[in-house]
Amino acid sequence: MKIPDKVKVGGKDYKIVWDDEFLSNQNYMGLACHRELIIWLCKKYRGDTLAKSVIEEIVIHEIIHTVDEVYNNHSLDEDTVNRMSNGIYQVLKDNFGF
């Protein structure tokens, strides 16, 4: 999967920012900041390089948070977002070949 520099959700451009240190220090591998329109991602977490498949699933996870914020009044809990991102990633991987 090619990860773009920005993702448009609800007419707003969310910038993709890679920052391993910032996220590791906050115990996150990804983070959607809706006030700043940023999706933070990392390639290394606490010094360990993340597998490509893990990074791709994190991207989907943070996009689900963003869609939930814009279209669903931030109604999904973290467990639901985790299950949905894992499921959507599996369907995309198995059927769309990325």
PDB file of N, CA and C in Angstrom:
ATOM      1  N   MET A   1       0.846  -1.175   0.000  1.00  0.00           N
ATOM      2  CA  MET A   1       0.000   0.000   0.000  1.00  0.00           C
ATOM      3  C   MET A   1       0.892   1.239   0.000  1.00  0.00           C
ATOM      4  N   LYS A   2       0.604   2.153  -0.904  1.00  0.00           N
ATOM      5  CA  LYS A   2       1.321   3.424  -0.920  1.00  0.00           C
ATOM      6  C   LYS A   2       0.612   4.367   0.049  1.00  0.00           C
ATOM      7  N   ILE A   3       1.345   4.889   0.997  1.00  0.00           N
ATOM      8  CA  ILE A   3       0.766   5.802   1.987  1.00  0.00           C
ATOM      9  C   ILE A   3       0.998   7.236   1.489  1.00  0.00           C
ATOM     10  N   PRO A   4      -0.091   7.976   1.262  1.00  0.00           N
ATOM     11  CA  PRO A   4       0.041   9.331   0.708  1.00  0.00           C
ATOM     12  C   PRO A   4       0.519  10.342   1.758  1.00  0.00           C
ATOM     13  N   ASP A   5       0.815  11.543   1.303  1.00  0.00           N
ATOM     14  CA  ASP A   5       1.233  12.628   2.202  1.00  0.00           C
ATOM     15  C   ASP A   5       0.051  13.260   2.915  1.00  0.00           C
ATOM     16  N   LYS A   6      -1.158  13.033   2.363  1.00  0.00           N
ATOM     17  CA  LYS A   6      -2.369  13.558   2.996  1.00  0.00           C
ATOM     18  C   LYS A   6      -3.543  12.664   2.631  1.00  0.00           C
ATOM     19  N   VAL A   7      -4.579  12.725   3.472  1.00  0.00           N
ATOM     20  CA  VAL A   7      -5.800  11.963   3.268  1.00  0.00           C
ATOM     21  C   VAL A   7      -6.964  12.932   3.423  1.00  0.00           C
ATOM     22  N   LYS A   8      -7.882  12.937   2.455  1.00  0.00           N
ATOM     23  CA  LYS A   8      -9.042  13.820   2.518  1.00  0.00           C
ATOM     24  C   LYS A   8     -10.207  13.065   3.134  1.00  0.00           C
ATOM     25  N   VAL A   9     -10.762  13.605   4.214  1.00  0.00           N
ATOM     26  CA  VAL A   9     -11.924  13.023   4.892  1.00  0.00           C
ATOM     27  C   VAL A   9     -12.901  14.156   5.166  1.00  0.00           C
ATOM     28  N   GLY A  10     -14.118  14.019   4.677  1.00  0.00           N
ATOM     29  CA  GLY A  10     -15.136  15.035   4.916  1.00  0.00           C
ATOM     30  C   GLY A  10     -14.755  16.404   4.401  1.00  0.00           C
ATOM     31  N   GLY A  11     -14.037  16.431   3.284  1.00  0.00           N
ATOM     32  CA  GLY A  11     -13.641  17.709   2.700  1.00  0.00           C
ATOM     33  C   GLY A  11     -12.441  18.360   3.351  1.00  0.00           C
ATOM     34  N   LYS A  12     -11.854  17.713   4.345  1.00  0.00           N
ATOM     35  CA  LYS A  12     -10.682  18.256   5.032  1.00  0.00           C
ATOM     36  C   LYS A  12      -9.461  17.408   4.710  1.00  0.00           C
ATOM     37  N   ASP A  13      -8.345  18.063   4.480  1.00  0.00           N
ATOM     38  CA  ASP A  13      -7.094  17.367   4.220  1.00  0.00           C
ATOM     39  C   ASP A  13      -6.357  17.122   5.530  1.00  0.00           C
ATOM     40  N   TYR A  14      -6.159  15.848   5.844  1.00  0.00           N
ATOM     41  CA  TYR A  14      -5.369  15.452   7.007  1.00  0.00           C
ATOM     42  C   TYR A  14      -3.958  15.152   6.522  1.00  0.00           C
ATOM     43  N   LYS A  15      -2.993  15.880   7.029  1.00  0.00           N
ATOM     44  CA  LYS A  15      -1.596  15.696   6.669  1.00  0.00           C
ATOM     45  C   LYS A  15      -1.062  14.440   7.357  1.00  0.00           C
ATOM     46  N   ILE A  16      -0.303  13.625   6.634  1.00  0.00           N
ATOM     47  CA  ILE A  16       0.360  12.460   7.217  1.00  0.00           C
ATOM     48  C   ILE A  16       1.745  12.907   7.670  1.00  0.00           C
ATOM     49  N   VAL A  17       2.034  12.727   8.948  1.00  0.00           N
ATOM     50  CA  VAL A  17       3.316  13.124   9.520  1.00  0.00           C
ATOM     51  C   VAL A  17       3.966  11.902  10.167  1.00  0.00           C
ATOM     52  N   TRP A  18       5.198  11.644   9.801  1.00  0.00           N
ATOM     53  CA  TRP A  18       5.959  10.528  10.362  1.00  0.00           C
ATOM     54  C   TRP A  18       6.849  11.057  11.479  1.00  0.00           C
ATOM     55  N   ASP A  19       6.673  10.537  12.687  1.00  0.00           N
ATOM     56  CA  ASP A  19       7.500  10.985  13.817  1.00  0.00           C
ATOM     57  C   ASP A  19       7.598   9.867  14.851  1.00  0.00           C
ATOM     58  N   ASP A  20       8.634   9.053  14.721  1.00  0.00           N
ATOM     59  CA  ASP A  20       8.827   7.896  15.604  1.00  0.00           C
ATOM     60  C   ASP A  20       8.978   8.299  17.068  1.00  0.00           C
ATOM     61  N   GLU A  21       9.803   9.301  17.311  1.00  0.00           N
ATOM     62  CA  GLU A  21      10.096   9.697  18.691  1.00  0.00           C
ATOM     63  C   GLU A  21       8.869  10.264  19.395  1.00  0.00           C
ATOM     64  N   PHE A  22       8.147  11.176  18.736  1.00  0.00           N
ATOM     65  CA  PHE A  22       6.956  11.790  19.321  1.00  0.00           C
ATOM     66  C   PHE A  22       5.949  10.723  19.744  1.00  0.00           C
ATOM     67  N   LEU A  23       5.654   9.791  18.832  1.00  0.00           N
ATOM     68  CA  LEU A  23       4.656   8.769  19.130  1.00  0.00           C
ATOM     69  C   LEU A  23       5.141   7.770  20.177  1.00  0.00           C
ATOM     70  N   SER A  24       6.380   7.321  20.068  1.00  0.00           N
ATOM     71  CA  SER A  24       6.917   6.368  21.048  1.00  0.00           C
ATOM     72  C   SER A  24       6.887   6.948  22.454  1.00  0.00           C
ATOM     73  N   ASN A  25       7.215   8.232  22.571  1.00  0.00           N
ATOM     74  CA  ASN A  25       7.205   8.880  23.885  1.00  0.00           C
ATOM     75  C   ASN A  25       5.801   8.959  24.470  1.00  0.00           C
ATOM     76  N   GLN A  26       4.778   8.898  23.619  1.00  0.00           N
ATOM     77  CA  GLN A  26       3.390   8.949  24.088  1.00  0.00           C
ATOM     78  C   GLN A  26       2.737   7.563  24.102  1.00  0.00           C
ATOM     79  N   ASN A  27       3.537   6.520  23.830  1.00  0.00           N
ATOM     80  CA  ASN A  27       3.061   5.130  23.790  1.00  0.00           C
ATOM     81  C   ASN A  27       2.042   4.879  22.683  1.00  0.00           C
ATOM     82  N   TYR A  28       2.212   5.537  21.535  1.00  0.00           N
ATOM     83  CA  TYR A  28       1.353   5.340  20.375  1.00  0.00           C
ATOM     84  C   TYR A  28       2.189   4.915  19.178  1.00  0.00           C
ATOM     85  N   MET A  29       1.565   4.163  18.266  1.00  0.00           N
ATOM     86  CA  MET A  29       2.171   3.872  16.966  1.00  0.00           C
ATOM     87  C   MET A  29       1.505   4.707  15.885  1.00  0.00           C
ATOM     88  N   GLY A  30       0.359   5.276  16.202  1.00  0.00           N
ATOM     89  CA  GLY A  30      -0.366   6.165  15.314  1.00  0.00           C
ATOM     90  C   GLY A  30      -1.301   7.025  16.139  1.00  0.00           C
ATOM     91  N   LEU A  31      -1.642   8.180  15.611  1.00  0.00           N
ATOM     92  CA  LEU A  31      -2.502   9.100  16.354  1.00  0.00           C
ATOM     93  C   LEU A  31      -3.161  10.058  15.369  1.00  0.00           C
ATOM     94  N   ALA A  32      -4.478  10.211  15.476  1.00  0.00           N
ATOM     95  CA  ALA A  32      -5.206  11.174  14.649  1.00  0.00           C
ATOM     96  C   ALA A  32      -5.507  12.403  15.499  1.00  0.00           C
ATOM     97  N   CYS A  33      -5.009  13.548  15.054  1.00  0.00           N
ATOM     98  CA  CYS A  33      -5.248  14.807  15.763  1.00  0.00           C
ATOM     99  C   CYS A  33      -6.216  15.635  14.909  1.00  0.00           C
ATOM    100  N   HIS A  34      -7.469  15.679  15.349  1.00  0.00           N
ATOM    101  CA  HIS A  34      -8.521  16.298  14.552  1.00  0.00           C
ATOM    102  C   HIS A  34      -8.471  17.820  14.576  1.00  0.00           C
ATOM    103  N   ARG A  35      -8.000  18.404  15.655  1.00  0.00           N
ATOM    104  CA  ARG A  35      -7.906  19.864  15.716  1.00  0.00           C
ATOM    105  C   ARG A  35      -6.839  20.388  14.770  1.00  0.00           C
ATOM    106  N   GLU A  36      -5.747  19.636  14.625  1.00  0.00           N
ATOM    107  CA  GLU A  36      -4.651  20.068  13.766  1.00  0.00           C
ATOM    108  C   GLU A  36      -4.709  19.444  12.368  1.00  0.00           C
ATOM    109  N   LEU A  37      -5.673  18.547  12.134  1.00  0.00           N
ATOM    110  CA  LEU A  37      -5.821  17.836  10.860  1.00  0.00           C
ATOM    111  C   LEU A  37      -4.528  17.108  10.492  1.00  0.00           C
ATOM    112  N   ILE A  38      -4.034  16.314  11.452  1.00  0.00           N
ATOM    113  CA  ILE A  38      -2.806  15.540  11.259  1.00  0.00           C
ATOM    114  C   ILE A  38      -3.068  14.095  11.661  1.00  0.00           C
ATOM    115  N   ILE A  39      -2.536  13.183  10.868  1.00  0.00           N
ATOM    116  CA  ILE A  39      -2.456  11.775  11.261  1.00  0.00           C
ATOM    117  C   ILE A  39      -0.972  11.469  11.441  1.00  0.00           C
ATOM    118  N   TRP A  40      -0.587  11.202  12.679  1.00  0.00           N
ATOM    119  CA  TRP A  40       0.791  10.888  13.026  1.00  0.00           C
ATOM    120  C   TRP A  40       1.008   9.390  12.869  1.00  0.00           C
ATOM    121  N   LEU A  41       2.117   9.012  12.255  1.00  0.00           N
ATOM    122  CA  LEU A  41       2.478   7.611  12.087  1.00  0.00           C
ATOM    123  C   LEU A  41       3.956   7.418  12.412  1.00  0.00           C
ATOM    124  N   CYS A  42       4.314   6.186  12.752  1.00  0.00           N
ATOM    125  CA  CYS A  42       5.729   5.911  12.969  1.00  0.00           C
ATOM    126  C   CYS A  42       6.149   4.650  12.220  1.00  0.00           C
ATOM    127  N   LYS A  43       7.430   4.592  11.898  1.00  0.00           N
ATOM    128  CA  LYS A  43       8.015   3.419  11.257  1.00  0.00           C
ATOM    129  C   LYS A  43       8.780   2.587  12.270  1.00  0.00           C
ATOM    130  N   LYS A  44       9.191   3.241  13.356  1.00  0.00           N
ATOM    131  CA  LYS A  44       9.872   2.562  14.455  1.00  0.00           C
ATOM    132  C   LYS A  44       9.140   2.907  15.742  1.00  0.00           C
ATOM    133  N   TYR A  45       8.945   1.910  16.578  1.00  0.00           N
ATOM    134  CA  TYR A  45       8.297   2.122  17.861  1.00  0.00           C
ATOM    135  C   TYR A  45       9.249   1.652  18.949  1.00  0.00           C
ATOM    136  N   ARG A  46       9.683   2.610  19.762  1.00  0.00           N
ATOM    137  CA  ARG A  46      10.639   2.336  20.833  1.00  0.00           C
ATOM    138  C   ARG A  46      11.876   1.607  20.316  1.00  0.00           C
ATOM    139  N   GLY A  47      12.347   2.047  19.152  1.00  0.00           N
ATOM    140  CA  GLY A  47      13.565   1.506  18.575  1.00  0.00           C
ATOM    141  C   GLY A  47      13.384   0.293  17.688  1.00  0.00           C
ATOM    142  N   ASP A  48      12.211  -0.340  17.712  1.00  0.00           N
ATOM    143  CA  ASP A  48      11.956  -1.516  16.881  1.00  0.00           C
ATOM    144  C   ASP A  48      11.268  -1.094  15.583  1.00  0.00           C
ATOM    145  N   THR A  49      11.796  -1.560  14.457  1.00  0.00           N
ATOM    146  CA  THR A  49      11.194  -1.266  13.170  1.00  0.00           C
ATOM    147  C   THR A  49       9.897  -2.048  13.021  1.00  0.00           C
ATOM    148  N   LEU A  50       8.839  -1.346  12.657  1.00  0.00           N
ATOM    149  CA  LEU A  50       7.535  -1.978  12.482  1.00  0.00           C
ATOM    150  C   LEU A  50       7.449  -2.641  11.106  1.00  0.00           C
ATOM    151  N   ALA A  51       6.812  -3.802  11.053  1.00  0.00           N
ATOM    152  CA  ALA A  51       6.591  -4.488   9.781  1.00  0.00           C
ATOM    153  C   ALA A  51       5.671  -3.651   8.899  1.00  0.00           C
ATOM    154  N   LYS A  52       5.845  -3.787   7.590  1.00  0.00           N
ATOM    155  CA  LYS A  52       5.013  -3.053   6.632  1.00  0.00           C
ATOM    156  C   LYS A  52       3.534  -3.318   6.884  1.00  0.00           C
ATOM    157  N   SER A  53       3.180  -4.547   7.175  1.00  0.00           N
ATOM    158  CA  SER A  53       1.769  -4.887   7.422  1.00  0.00           C
ATOM    159  C   SER A  53       1.234  -4.189   8.669  1.00  0.00           C
ATOM    160  N   VAL A  54       2.067  -4.023   9.673  1.00  0.00           N
ATOM    161  CA  VAL A  54       1.647  -3.326  10.895  1.00  0.00           C
ATOM    162  C   VAL A  54       1.405  -1.854  10.593  1.00  0.00           C
ATOM    163  N   ILE A  55       2.303  -1.245   9.846  1.00  0.00           N
ATOM    164  CA  ILE A  55       2.143   0.170   9.479  1.00  0.00           C
ATOM    165  C   ILE A  55       0.873   0.362   8.655  1.00  0.00           C
ATOM    166  N   GLU A  56       0.621  -0.532   7.706  1.00  0.00           N
ATOM    167  CA  GLU A  56      -0.579  -0.422   6.880  1.00  0.00           C
ATOM    168  C   GLU A  56      -1.849  -0.527   7.720  1.00  0.00           C
ATOM    169  N   GLU A  57      -1.867  -1.437   8.671  1.00  0.00           N
ATOM    170  CA  GLU A  57      -3.039  -1.573   9.545  1.00  0.00           C
ATOM    171  C   GLU A  57      -3.206  -0.344  10.427  1.00  0.00           C
ATOM    172  N   ILE A  58      -2.103   0.236  10.875  1.00  0.00           N
ATOM    173  CA  ILE A  58      -2.171   1.457  11.693  1.00  0.00           C
ATOM    174  C   ILE A  58      -2.772   2.605  10.876  1.00  0.00           C
ATOM    175  N   VAL A  59      -2.388   2.716   9.605  1.00  0.00           N
ATOM    176  CA  VAL A  59      -2.949   3.748   8.730  1.00  0.00           C
ATOM    177  C   VAL A  59      -4.467   3.590   8.662  1.00  0.00           C
ATOM    178  N   ILE A  60      -4.935   2.380   8.421  1.00  0.00           N
ATOM    179  CA  ILE A  60      -6.377   2.128   8.355  1.00  0.00           C
ATOM    180  C   ILE A  60      -7.029   2.449   9.689  1.00  0.00           C
ATOM    181  N   HIS A  61      -6.394   2.061  10.774  1.00  0.00           N
ATOM    182  CA  HIS A  61      -6.913   2.337  12.129  1.00  0.00           C
ATOM    183  C   HIS A  61      -7.130   3.840  12.323  1.00  0.00           C
ATOM    184  N   GLU A  62      -6.130   4.634  11.989  1.00  0.00           N
ATOM    185  CA  GLU A  62      -6.227   6.081  12.191  1.00  0.00           C
ATOM    186  C   GLU A  62      -7.229   6.716  11.226  1.00  0.00           C
ATOM    187  N   ILE A  63      -7.358   6.178  10.021  1.00  0.00           N
ATOM    188  CA  ILE A  63      -8.372   6.677   9.095  1.00  0.00           C
ATOM    189  C   ILE A  63      -9.767   6.379   9.634  1.00  0.00           C
ATOM    190  N   ILE A  64      -9.964   5.206  10.236  1.00  0.00           N
ATOM    191  CA  ILE A  64     -11.264   4.898  10.846  1.00  0.00           C
ATOM    192  C   ILE A  64     -11.561   5.891  11.960  1.00  0.00           C
ATOM    193  N   HIS A  65     -10.572   6.212  12.799  1.00  0.00           N
ATOM    194  CA  HIS A  65     -10.783   7.234  13.840  1.00  0.00           C
ATOM    195  C   HIS A  65     -11.206   8.558  13.206  1.00  0.00           C
ATOM    196  N   THR A  66     -10.566   8.914  12.100  1.00  0.00           N
ATOM    197  CA  THR A  66     -10.857  10.180  11.438  1.00  0.00           C
ATOM    198  C   THR A  66     -12.265  10.177  10.843  1.00  0.00           C
ATOM    199  N   VAL A  67     -12.636   9.108  10.157  1.00  0.00           N
ATOM    200  CA  VAL A  67     -13.986   8.988   9.605  1.00  0.00           C
ATOM    201  C   VAL A  67     -15.014   9.008  10.735  1.00  0.00           C
ATOM    202  N   ASP A  68     -14.722   8.320  11.827  1.00  0.00           N
ATOM    203  CA  ASP A  68     -15.614   8.303  12.991  1.00  0.00           C
ATOM    204  C   ASP A  68     -15.801   9.710  13.560  1.00  0.00           C
ATOM    205  N   GLU A  69     -14.735  10.457  13.646  1.00  0.00           N
ATOM    206  CA  GLU A  69     -14.811  11.827  14.167  1.00  0.00           C
ATOM    207  C   GLU A  69     -15.658  12.719  13.258  1.00  0.00           C
ATOM    208  N   VAL A  70     -15.427  12.624  11.951  1.00  0.00           N
ATOM    209  CA  VAL A  70     -16.092  13.509  10.999  1.00  0.00           C
ATOM    210  C   VAL A  70     -17.553  13.125  10.778  1.00  0.00           C
ATOM    211  N   TYR A  71     -17.832  11.826  10.651  1.00  0.00           N
ATOM    212  CA  TYR A  71     -19.160  11.377  10.235  1.00  0.00           C
ATOM    213  C   TYR A  71     -19.985  10.705  11.320  1.00  0.00           C
ATOM    214  N   ASN A  72     -19.375  10.393  12.451  1.00  0.00           N
ATOM    215  CA  ASN A  72     -20.069   9.575  13.447  1.00  0.00           C
ATOM    216  C   ASN A  72     -19.965  10.156  14.861  1.00  0.00           C
ATOM    217  N   ASN A  73     -19.588  11.423  14.955  1.00  0.00           N
ATOM    218  CA  ASN A  73     -19.518  12.109  16.254  1.00  0.00           C
ATOM    219  C   ASN A  73     -18.635  11.389  17.259  1.00  0.00           C
ATOM    220  N   HIS A  74     -17.568  10.766  16.757  1.00  0.00           N
ATOM    221  CA  HIS A  74     -16.584  10.074  17.614  1.00  0.00           C
ATOM    222  C   HIS A  74     -17.273   9.056  18.541  1.00  0.00           C
ATOM    223  N   SER A  75     -18.139   8.228  17.952  1.00  0.00           N
ATOM    224  CA  SER A  75     -18.953   7.288  18.731  1.00  0.00           C
ATOM    225  C   SER A  75     -18.320   5.916  18.924  1.00  0.00           C
ATOM    226  N   LEU A  76     -17.304   5.566  18.124  1.00  0.00           N
ATOM    227  CA  LEU A  76     -16.704   4.241  18.243  1.00  0.00           C
ATOM    228  C   LEU A  76     -15.683   4.193  19.371  1.00  0.00           C
ATOM    229  N   ASP A  77     -15.715   3.110  20.142  1.00  0.00           N
ATOM    230  CA  ASP A  77     -14.690   2.945  21.174  1.00  0.00           C
ATOM    231  C   ASP A  77     -13.438   2.330  20.546  1.00  0.00           C
ATOM    232  N   GLU A  78     -12.348   2.363  21.275  1.00  0.00           N
ATOM    233  CA  GLU A  78     -11.055   1.907  20.754  1.00  0.00           C
ATOM    234  C   GLU A  78     -11.077   0.432  20.353  1.00  0.00           C
ATOM    235  N   ASP A  79     -11.773  -0.393  21.115  1.00  0.00           N
ATOM    236  CA  ASP A  79     -11.856  -1.816  20.793  1.00  0.00           C
ATOM    237  C   ASP A  79     -12.556  -2.027  19.452  1.00  0.00           C
ATOM    238  N   THR A  80     -13.626  -1.296  19.205  1.00  0.00           N
ATOM    239  CA  THR A  80     -14.340  -1.396  17.933  1.00  0.00           C
ATOM    240  C   THR A  80     -13.453  -0.944  16.778  1.00  0.00           C
ATOM    241  N   VAL A  81     -12.733   0.155  16.964  1.00  0.00           N
ATOM    242  CA  VAL A  81     -11.827   0.640  15.921  1.00  0.00           C
ATOM    243  C   VAL A  81     -10.750  -0.408  15.649  1.00  0.00           C
ATOM    244  N   ASN A  82     -10.216  -1.026  16.699  1.00  0.00           N
ATOM    245  CA  ASN A  82      -9.212  -2.080  16.514  1.00  0.00           C
ATOM    246  C   ASN A  82      -9.759  -3.237  15.695  1.00  0.00           C
ATOM    247  N   ARG A  83     -10.943  -3.713  16.040  1.00  0.00           N
ATOM    248  CA  ARG A  83     -11.535  -4.842  15.318  1.00  0.00           C
ATOM    249  C   ARG A  83     -11.831  -4.467  13.864  1.00  0.00           C
ATOM    250  N   MET A  84     -12.360  -3.277  13.662  1.00  0.00           N
ATOM    251  CA  MET A  84     -12.685  -2.843  12.299  1.00  0.00           C
ATOM    252  C   MET A  84     -11.426  -2.671  11.450  1.00  0.00           C
ATOM    253  N   SER A  85     -10.398  -2.072  12.013  1.00  0.00           N
ATOM    254  CA  SER A  85      -9.173  -1.866  11.230  1.00  0.00           C
ATOM    255  C   SER A  85      -8.516  -3.196  10.882  1.00  0.00           C
ATOM    256  N   ASN A  86      -8.527  -4.147  11.793  1.00  0.00           N
ATOM    257  CA  ASN A  86      -7.983  -5.471  11.491  1.00  0.00           C
ATOM    258  C   ASN A  86      -8.795  -6.146  10.395  1.00  0.00           C
ATOM    259  N   GLY A  87     -10.117  -6.080  10.482  1.00  0.00           N
ATOM    260  CA  GLY A  87     -10.979  -6.702   9.483  1.00  0.00           C
ATOM    261  C   GLY A  87     -10.875  -6.060   8.120  1.00  0.00           C
ATOM    262  N   ILE A  88     -10.906  -4.742   8.087  1.00  0.00           N
ATOM    263  CA  ILE A  88     -10.800  -4.033   6.810  1.00  0.00           C
ATOM    264  C   ILE A  88      -9.438  -4.287   6.179  1.00  0.00           C
ATOM    265  N   TYR A  89      -8.388  -4.284   6.993  1.00  0.00           N
ATOM    266  CA  TYR A  89      -7.046  -4.564   6.463  1.00  0.00           C
ATOM    267  C   TYR A  89      -7.001  -5.955   5.835  1.00  0.00           C
ATOM    268  N   GLN A  90      -7.559  -6.943   6.506  1.00  0.00           N
ATOM    269  CA  GLN A  90      -7.557  -8.320   5.988  1.00  0.00           C
ATOM    270  C   GLN A  90      -8.300  -8.390   4.661  1.00  0.00           C
ATOM    271  N   VAL A  91      -9.481  -7.754   4.560  1.00  0.00           N
ATOM    272  CA  VAL A  91     -10.256  -7.780   3.320  1.00  0.00           C
ATOM    273  C   VAL A  91      -9.488  -7.105   2.189  1.00  0.00           C
ATOM    274  N   LEU A  92      -8.903  -5.948   2.452  1.00  0.00           N
ATOM    275  CA  LEU A  92      -8.139  -5.239   1.425  1.00  0.00           C
ATOM    276  C   LEU A  92      -6.911  -6.028   0.992  1.00  0.00           C
ATOM    277  N   LYS A  93      -6.200  -6.577   1.939  1.00  0.00           N
ATOM    278  CA  LYS A  93      -4.981  -7.356   1.652  1.00  0.00           C
ATOM    279  C   LYS A  93      -5.317  -8.591   0.819  1.00  0.00           C
ATOM    280  N   ASP A  94      -6.347  -9.324   1.217  1.00  0.00           N
ATOM    281  CA  ASP A  94      -6.694 -10.577   0.542  1.00  0.00           C
ATOM    282  C   ASP A  94      -7.370 -10.376  -0.807  1.00  0.00           C
ATOM    283  N   ASN A  95      -8.050  -9.248  -1.009  1.00  0.00           N
ATOM    284  CA  ASN A  95      -8.838  -9.063  -2.215  1.00  0.00           C
ATOM    285  C   ASN A  95      -8.334  -7.987  -3.173  1.00  0.00           C
ATOM    286  N   PHE A  96      -7.526  -7.067  -2.678  1.00  0.00           N
ATOM    287  CA  PHE A  96      -7.050  -5.986  -3.520  1.00  0.00           C
ATOM    288  C   PHE A  96      -5.546  -6.016  -3.705  1.00  0.00           C
ATOM    289  N   GLY A  97      -4.907  -7.004  -3.098  1.00  0.00           N
ATOM    290  CA  GLY A  97      -3.496  -7.296  -3.358  1.00  0.00           C
ATOM    291  C   GLY A  97      -2.500  -6.218  -3.002  1.00  0.00           C
ATOM    292  N   PHE A  98      -2.736  -5.507  -1.914  1.00  0.00           N
ATOM    293  CA  PHE A  98      -1.670  -4.573  -1.517  1.00  0.00           C
ATOM    294  C   PHE A  98      -1.000  -5.028  -0.257  1.00  0.00           C
TER     295      PHE A  98
END
